[in-house]
Amino acid sequence: MQIHPDPPDRILRIKTVLARTGLTRSTLYRKMAAGTFPKNMRISTRCMGWRESAIAAWLDNPMHGSPNQVSD
C-alpha cells in the first residue's frame, strides 16, 4: 500500500486572507499583535503571506486565536 503525503500548504496573500476572514487590514494586524491571529511569513524580500492551514484553523475557532504560531 502506498501512502500519499498531505499536499503542500498554500500561501495566501493579504487580499485573500481579508476576503476569507471578513476582517479589515487594521483589525488583522491588531489581532496578530495581540497573538489572536496567525502570524504571517516572509515569501520574498517585499512579500508576506499566511499559511492556508493556519487561516482555516483560525476560521474554525476564531475565539481561541493562534498564539503559538510564529513567523518564519
PDB file of N, CA and C in Angstrom:
ATOM      1  N   MET A   1       0.842  -1.183   0.000  1.00  0.00           N
ATOM      2  CA  MET A   1       0.000   0.000   0.000  1.00  0.00           C
ATOM      3  C   MET A   1       0.884   1.242   0.000  1.00  0.00           C
ATOM      4  N   GLN A   2       0.560   2.179  -0.860  1.00  0.00           N
ATOM      5  CA  GLN A   2       1.342   3.403  -0.986  1.00  0.00           C
ATOM      6  C   GLN A   2       0.661   4.518  -0.211  1.00  0.00           C
ATOM      7  N   ILE A   3       1.420   5.205   0.617  1.00  0.00           N
ATOM      8  CA  ILE A   3       0.882   6.318   1.406  1.00  0.00           C
ATOM      9  C   ILE A   3       1.252   7.617   0.704  1.00  0.00           C
ATOM     10  N   HIS A   4       0.234   8.450   0.466  1.00  0.00           N
ATOM     11  CA  HIS A   4       0.472   9.743  -0.170  1.00  0.00           C
ATOM     12  C   HIS A   4       0.563  10.813   0.904  1.00  0.00           C
ATOM     13  N   PRO A   5       1.603  11.629   0.872  1.00  0.00           N
ATOM     14  CA  PRO A   5       1.723  12.703   1.858  1.00  0.00           C
ATOM     15  C   PRO A   5       0.651  13.767   1.620  1.00  0.00           C
ATOM     16  N   ASP A   6       0.387  14.539   2.659  1.00  0.00           N
ATOM     17  CA  ASP A   6      -0.558  15.644   2.517  1.00  0.00           C
ATOM     18  C   ASP A   6      -0.036  16.620   1.466  1.00  0.00           C
ATOM     19  N   PRO A   7      -0.944  17.253   0.729  1.00  0.00           N
ATOM     20  CA  PRO A   7      -0.484  18.238  -0.250  1.00  0.00           C
ATOM     21  C   PRO A   7       0.184  19.412   0.470  1.00  0.00           C
ATOM     22  N   PRO A   8       1.109  20.078  -0.182  1.00  0.00           N
ATOM     23  CA  PRO A   8       1.793  21.200   0.471  1.00  0.00           C
ATOM     24  C   PRO A   8       0.803  22.318   0.815  1.00  0.00           C
ATOM     25  N   ASP A   9       1.097  23.014   1.888  1.00  0.00           N
ATOM     26  CA  ASP A   9       0.265  24.115   2.348  1.00  0.00           C
ATOM     27  C   ASP A   9       0.418  25.306   1.403  1.00  0.00           C
ATOM     28  N   ARG A  10      -0.703  25.855   0.949  1.00  0.00           N
ATOM     29  CA  ARG A  10      -0.642  27.034   0.088  1.00  0.00           C
ATOM     30  C   ARG A  10      -0.378  28.273   0.926  1.00  0.00           C
ATOM     31  N   ILE A  11       0.214  29.272   0.309  1.00  0.00           N
ATOM     32  CA  ILE A  11       0.452  30.560   0.959  1.00  0.00           C
ATOM     33  C   ILE A  11      -0.563  31.552   0.402  1.00  0.00           C
ATOM     34  N   LEU A  12      -1.280  32.214   1.299  1.00  0.00           N
ATOM     35  CA  LEU A  12      -2.301  33.180   0.899  1.00  0.00           C
ATOM     36  C   LEU A  12      -1.784  34.599   1.086  1.00  0.00           C
ATOM     37  N   ARG A  13      -2.079  35.443   0.132  1.00  0.00           N
ATOM     38  CA  ARG A  13      -1.718  36.859   0.210  1.00  0.00           C
ATOM     39  C   ARG A  13      -2.791  37.602   0.998  1.00  0.00           C
ATOM     40  N   ILE A  14      -2.496  38.827   1.380  1.00  0.00           N
ATOM     41  CA  ILE A  14      -3.369  39.566   2.288  1.00  0.00           C
ATOM     42  C   ILE A  14      -4.778  39.783   1.736  1.00  0.00           C
ATOM     43  N   LYS A  15      -4.924  40.055   0.455  1.00  0.00           N
ATOM     44  CA  LYS A  15      -6.264  40.273  -0.096  1.00  0.00           C
ATOM     45  C   LYS A  15      -7.136  39.040   0.063  1.00  0.00           C
ATOM     46  N   THR A  16      -6.547  37.868  -0.135  1.00  0.00           N
ATOM     47  CA  THR A  16      -7.288  36.613   0.020  1.00  0.00           C
ATOM     48  C   THR A  16      -7.636  36.377   1.479  1.00  0.00           C
ATOM     49  N   VAL A  17      -6.687  36.652   2.376  1.00  0.00           N
ATOM     50  CA  VAL A  17      -6.927  36.472   3.812  1.00  0.00           C
ATOM     51  C   VAL A  17      -8.048  37.397   4.277  1.00  0.00           C
ATOM     52  N   LEU A  18      -8.014  38.641   3.846  1.00  0.00           N
ATOM     53  CA  LEU A  18      -9.060  39.598   4.230  1.00  0.00           C
ATOM     54  C   LEU A  18     -10.423  39.164   3.696  1.00  0.00           C
ATOM     55  N   ALA A  19     -10.456  38.666   2.466  1.00  0.00           N
ATOM     56  CA  ALA A  19     -11.718  38.220   1.877  1.00  0.00           C
ATOM     57  C   ALA A  19     -12.270  36.998   2.619  1.00  0.00           C
ATOM     58  N   ARG A  20     -11.407  36.067   2.977  1.00  0.00           N
ATOM     59  CA  ARG A  20     -11.861  34.842   3.661  1.00  0.00           C
ATOM     60  C   ARG A  20     -12.296  35.101   5.098  1.00  0.00           C
ATOM     61  N   THR A  21     -11.619  36.015   5.783  1.00  0.00           N
ATOM     62  CA  THR A  21     -11.911  36.248   7.195  1.00  0.00           C
ATOM     63  C   THR A  21     -12.960  37.323   7.418  1.00  0.00           C
ATOM     64  N   GLY A  22     -13.092  38.247   6.485  1.00  0.00           N
ATOM     65  CA  GLY A  22     -14.017  39.361   6.667  1.00  0.00           C
ATOM     66  C   GLY A  22     -13.446  40.460   7.552  1.00  0.00           C
ATOM     67  N   LEU A  23     -12.155  40.351   7.892  1.00  0.00           N
ATOM     68  CA  LEU A  23     -11.507  41.361   8.727  1.00  0.00           C
ATOM     69  C   LEU A  23     -11.021  42.522   7.872  1.00  0.00           C
ATOM     70  N   THR A  24     -10.851  43.675   8.507  1.00  0.00           N
ATOM     71  CA  THR A  24     -10.184  44.786   7.831  1.00  0.00           C
ATOM     72  C   THR A  24      -8.682  44.595   8.029  1.00  0.00           C
ATOM     73  N   ARG A  25      -7.897  45.286   7.237  1.00  0.00           N
ATOM     74  CA  ARG A  25      -6.440  45.182   7.341  1.00  0.00           C
ATOM     75  C   ARG A  25      -5.960  45.583   8.739  1.00  0.00           C
ATOM     76  N   SER A  26      -6.495  46.684   9.277  1.00  0.00           N
ATOM     77  CA  SER A  26      -6.049  47.146  10.594  1.00  0.00           C
ATOM     78  C   SER A  26      -6.442  46.155  11.694  1.00  0.00           C
ATOM     79  N   THR A  27      -7.631  45.570  11.607  1.00  0.00           N
ATOM     80  CA  THR A  27      -8.057  44.579  12.594  1.00  0.00           C
ATOM     81  C   THR A  27      -7.185  43.336  12.520  1.00  0.00           C
ATOM     82  N   LEU A  28      -6.857  42.898  11.318  1.00  0.00           N
ATOM     83  CA  LEU A  28      -5.994  41.732  11.139  1.00  0.00           C
ATOM     84  C   LEU A  28      -4.647  41.954  11.828  1.00  0.00           C
ATOM     85  N   TYR A  29      -4.016  43.097  11.582  1.00  0.00           N
ATOM     86  CA  TYR A  29      -2.707  43.371  12.182  1.00  0.00           C
ATOM     87  C   TYR A  29      -2.815  43.578  13.691  1.00  0.00           C
ATOM     88  N   ARG A  30      -3.915  44.148  14.159  1.00  0.00           N
ATOM     89  CA  ARG A  30      -4.124  44.315  15.597  1.00  0.00           C
ATOM     90  C   ARG A  30      -4.246  42.938  16.269  1.00  0.00           C
ATOM     91  N   LYS A  31      -4.992  42.017  15.639  1.00  0.00           N
ATOM     92  CA  LYS A  31      -5.133  40.670  16.172  1.00  0.00           C
ATOM     93  C   LYS A  31      -3.795  39.920  16.136  1.00  0.00           C
ATOM     94  N   MET A  32      -3.001  40.123  15.101  1.00  0.00           N
ATOM     95  CA  MET A  32      -1.678  39.496  15.040  1.00  0.00           C
ATOM     96  C   MET A  32      -0.808  39.985  16.203  1.00  0.00           C
ATOM     97  N   ALA A  33      -0.842  41.291  16.457  1.00  0.00           N
ATOM     98  CA  ALA A  33      -0.043  41.867  17.542  1.00  0.00           C
ATOM     99  C   ALA A  33      -0.497  41.340  18.905  1.00  0.00           C
ATOM    100  N   ALA A  34      -1.794  41.074  19.038  1.00  0.00           N
ATOM    101  CA  ALA A  34      -2.343  40.558  20.288  1.00  0.00           C
ATOM    102  C   ALA A  34      -2.131  39.051  20.425  1.00  0.00           C
ATOM    103  N   GLY A  35      -1.707  38.387  19.350  1.00  0.00           N
ATOM    104  CA  GLY A  35      -1.480  36.951  19.385  1.00  0.00           C
ATOM    105  C   GLY A  35      -2.738  36.131  19.180  1.00  0.00           C
ATOM    106  N   THR A  36      -3.793  36.764  18.642  1.00  0.00           N
ATOM    107  CA  THR A  36      -5.051  36.044  18.432  1.00  0.00           C
ATOM    108  C   THR A  36      -5.327  35.761  16.960  1.00  0.00           C
ATOM    109  N   PHE A  37      -4.329  35.941  16.125  1.00  0.00           N
ATOM    110  CA  PHE A  37      -4.439  35.634  14.700  1.00  0.00           C
ATOM    111  C   PHE A  37      -3.092  35.089  14.255  1.00  0.00           C
ATOM    112  N   PRO A  38      -3.082  34.121  13.325  1.00  0.00           N
ATOM    113  CA  PRO A  38      -1.804  33.545  12.882  1.00  0.00           C
ATOM    114  C   PRO A  38      -0.845  34.604  12.336  1.00  0.00           C
ATOM    115  N   LYS A  39       0.413  34.432  12.645  1.00  0.00           N
ATOM    116  CA  LYS A  39       1.456  35.338  12.140  1.00  0.00           C
ATOM    117  C   LYS A  39       1.680  35.087  10.651  1.00  0.00           C
ATOM    118  N   ASN A  40       2.070  36.142   9.959  1.00  0.00           N
ATOM    119  CA  ASN A  40       2.407  35.979   8.552  1.00  0.00           C
ATOM    120  C   ASN A  40       3.859  35.538   8.425  1.00  0.00           C
ATOM    121  N   MET A  41       4.224  35.117   7.220  1.00  0.00           N
ATOM    122  CA  MET A  41       5.587  34.665   6.977  1.00  0.00           C
ATOM    123  C   MET A  41       6.140  35.354   5.727  1.00  0.00           C
ATOM    124  N   ARG A  42       7.432  35.524   5.683  1.00  0.00           N
ATOM    125  CA  ARG A  42       8.072  36.178   4.542  1.00  0.00           C
ATOM    126  C   ARG A  42       8.148  35.208   3.372  1.00  0.00           C
ATOM    127  N   ILE A  43       7.643  35.658   2.218  1.00  0.00           N
ATOM    128  CA  ILE A  43       7.698  34.869   0.993  1.00  0.00           C
ATOM    129  C   ILE A  43       8.920  35.288   0.175  1.00  0.00           C
ATOM    130  N   SER A  44       9.152  36.590   0.121  1.00  0.00           N
ATOM    131  CA  SER A  44      10.326  37.136  -0.554  1.00  0.00           C
ATOM    132  C   SER A  44      10.664  38.454   0.135  1.00  0.00           C
ATOM    133  N   THR A  45      11.568  39.217  -0.427  1.00  0.00           N
ATOM    134  CA  THR A  45      12.048  40.440   0.207  1.00  0.00           C
ATOM    135  C   THR A  45      10.910  41.381   0.604  1.00  0.00           C
ATOM    136  N   ARG A  46       9.968  41.594  -0.282  1.00  0.00           N
ATOM    137  CA  ARG A  46       8.881  42.539  -0.008  1.00  0.00           C
ATOM    138  C   ARG A  46       7.509  41.882   0.000  1.00  0.00           C
ATOM    139  N   CYS A  47       7.446  40.600   0.254  1.00  0.00           N
ATOM    140  CA  CYS A  47       6.190  39.874   0.126  1.00  0.00           C
ATOM    141  C   CYS A  47       5.958  38.985   1.346  1.00  0.00           C
ATOM    142  N   MET A  48       4.765  39.133   1.952  1.00  0.00           N
ATOM    143  CA  MET A  48       4.391  38.325   3.105  1.00  0.00           C
ATOM    144  C   MET A  48       3.135  37.537   2.781  1.00  0.00           C
ATOM    145  N   GLY A  49       2.916  36.450   3.484  1.00  0.00           N
ATOM    146  CA  GLY A  49       1.724  35.647   3.273  1.00  0.00           C
ATOM    147  C   GLY A  49       1.417  34.811   4.507  1.00  0.00           C
ATOM    148  N   TRP A  50       0.292  34.143   4.480  1.00  0.00           N
ATOM    149  CA  TRP A  50      -0.166  33.301   5.579  1.00  0.00           C
ATOM    150  C   TRP A  50      -0.366  31.884   5.077  1.00  0.00           C
ATOM    151  N   ARG A  51      -0.096  30.905   5.914  1.00  0.00           N
ATOM    152  CA  ARG A  51      -0.355  29.511   5.570  1.00  0.00           C
ATOM    153  C   ARG A  51      -1.867  29.300   5.532  1.00  0.00           C
ATOM    154  N   GLU A  52      -2.344  28.666   4.462  1.00  0.00           N
ATOM    155  CA  GLU A  52      -3.769  28.420   4.306  1.00  0.00           C
ATOM    156  C   GLU A  52      -4.302  27.581   5.468  1.00  0.00           C
ATOM    157  N   SER A  53      -3.526  26.629   5.946  1.00  0.00           N
ATOM    158  CA  SER A  53      -3.976  25.782   7.057  1.00  0.00           C
ATOM    159  C   SER A  53      -4.156  26.585   8.338  1.00  0.00           C
ATOM    160  N   ALA A  54      -3.299  27.569   8.573  1.00  0.00           N
ATOM    161  CA  ALA A  54      -3.418  28.407   9.771  1.00  0.00           C
ATOM    162  C   ALA A  54      -4.675  29.271   9.708  1.00  0.00           C
ATOM    163  N   ILE A  55      -4.988  29.794   8.520  1.00  0.00           N
ATOM    164  CA  ILE A  55      -6.193  30.613   8.348  1.00  0.00           C
ATOM    165  C   ILE A  55      -7.432  29.736   8.510  1.00  0.00           C
ATOM    166  N   ALA A  56      -7.404  28.538   7.948  1.00  0.00           N
ATOM    167  CA  ALA A  56      -8.538  27.617   8.077  1.00  0.00           C
ATOM    168  C   ALA A  56      -8.761  27.250   9.545  1.00  0.00           C
ATOM    169  N   ALA A  57      -7.688  26.998  10.287  1.00  0.00           N
ATOM    170  CA  ALA A  57      -7.811  26.664  11.707  1.00  0.00           C
ATOM    171  C   ALA A  57      -8.379  27.839  12.485  1.00  0.00           C
ATOM    172  N   TRP A  58      -7.938  29.047  12.172  1.00  0.00           N
ATOM    173  CA  TRP A  58      -8.465  30.237  12.843  1.00  0.00           C
ATOM    174  C   TRP A  58      -9.948  30.410  12.537  1.00  0.00           C
ATOM    175  N   LEU A  59     -10.344  30.176  11.287  1.00  0.00           N
ATOM    176  CA  LEU A  59     -11.748  30.301  10.919  1.00  0.00           C
ATOM    177  C   LEU A  59     -12.606  29.265  11.647  1.00  0.00           C
ATOM    178  N   ASP A  60     -12.049  28.090  11.919  1.00  0.00           N
ATOM    179  CA  ASP A  60     -12.778  27.060  12.663  1.00  0.00           C
ATOM    180  C   ASP A  60     -13.018  27.472  14.108  1.00  0.00           C
ATOM    181  N   ASN A  61     -12.100  28.243  14.685  1.00  0.00           N
ATOM    182  CA  ASN A  61     -12.227  28.647  16.079  1.00  0.00           C
ATOM    183  C   ASN A  61     -11.550  29.998  16.309  1.00  0.00           C
ATOM    184  N   PRO A  62     -12.149  31.104  15.845  1.00  0.00           N
ATOM    185  CA  PRO A  62     -11.506  32.417  15.953  1.00  0.00           C
ATOM    186  C   PRO A  62     -11.390  32.938  17.382  1.00  0.00           C
ATOM    187  N   MET A  63     -12.164  32.421  18.309  1.00  0.00           N
ATOM    188  CA  MET A  63     -12.107  32.914  19.689  1.00  0.00           C
ATOM    189  C   MET A  63     -10.825  32.500  20.399  1.00  0.00           C
ATOM    190  N   HIS A  64     -10.236  31.384  20.005  1.00  0.00           N
ATOM    191  CA  HIS A  64      -9.033  30.909  20.684  1.00  0.00           C
ATOM    192  C   HIS A  64      -7.764  31.499  20.100  1.00  0.00           C
ATOM    193  N   GLY A  65      -7.830  32.002  18.880  1.00  0.00           N
ATOM    194  CA  GLY A  65      -6.646  32.585  18.268  1.00  0.00           C
ATOM    195  C   GLY A  65      -5.563  31.574  18.021  1.00  0.00           C
ATOM    196  N   SER A  66      -4.376  32.046  17.746  1.00  0.00           N
ATOM    197  CA  SER A  66      -3.239  31.177  17.455  1.00  0.00           C
ATOM    198  C   SER A  66      -1.972  31.753  18.063  1.00  0.00           C
ATOM    199  N   PRO A  67      -1.917  31.873  19.389  1.00  0.00           N
ATOM    200  CA  PRO A  67      -0.727  32.480  19.990  1.00  0.00           C
ATOM    201  C   PRO A  67       0.545  31.682  19.792  1.00  0.00           C
ATOM    202  N   ASN A  68       0.445  30.395  19.443  1.00  0.00           N
ATOM    203  CA  ASN A  68       1.642  29.578  19.263  1.00  0.00           C
ATOM    204  C   ASN A  68       2.204  29.655  17.854  1.00  0.00           C
ATOM    205  N   GLN A  69       1.529  30.331  16.939  1.00  0.00           N
ATOM    206  CA  GLN A  69       2.044  30.471  15.581  1.00  0.00           C
ATOM    207  C   GLN A  69       3.174  31.484  15.580  1.00  0.00           C
ATOM    208  N   VAL A  70       4.252  31.162  14.916  1.00  0.00           N
ATOM    209  CA  VAL A  70       5.383  32.077  14.819  1.00  0.00           C
ATOM    210  C   VAL A  70       5.643  32.379  13.347  1.00  0.00           C
ATOM    211  N   SER A  71       6.217  33.537  13.102  1.00  0.00           N
ATOM    212  CA  SER A  71       6.535  33.880  11.724  1.00  0.00           C
ATOM    213  C   SER A  71       7.824  33.200  11.315  1.00  0.00           C
ATOM    214  N   ASP A  72       7.958  32.899  10.041  1.00  0.00           N
ATOM    215  CA  ASP A  72       9.169  32.248   9.527  1.00  0.00           C
ATOM    216  C   ASP A  72      10.153  33.289   9.083  1.00  0.00           C
TER     217      ASP A  72
END
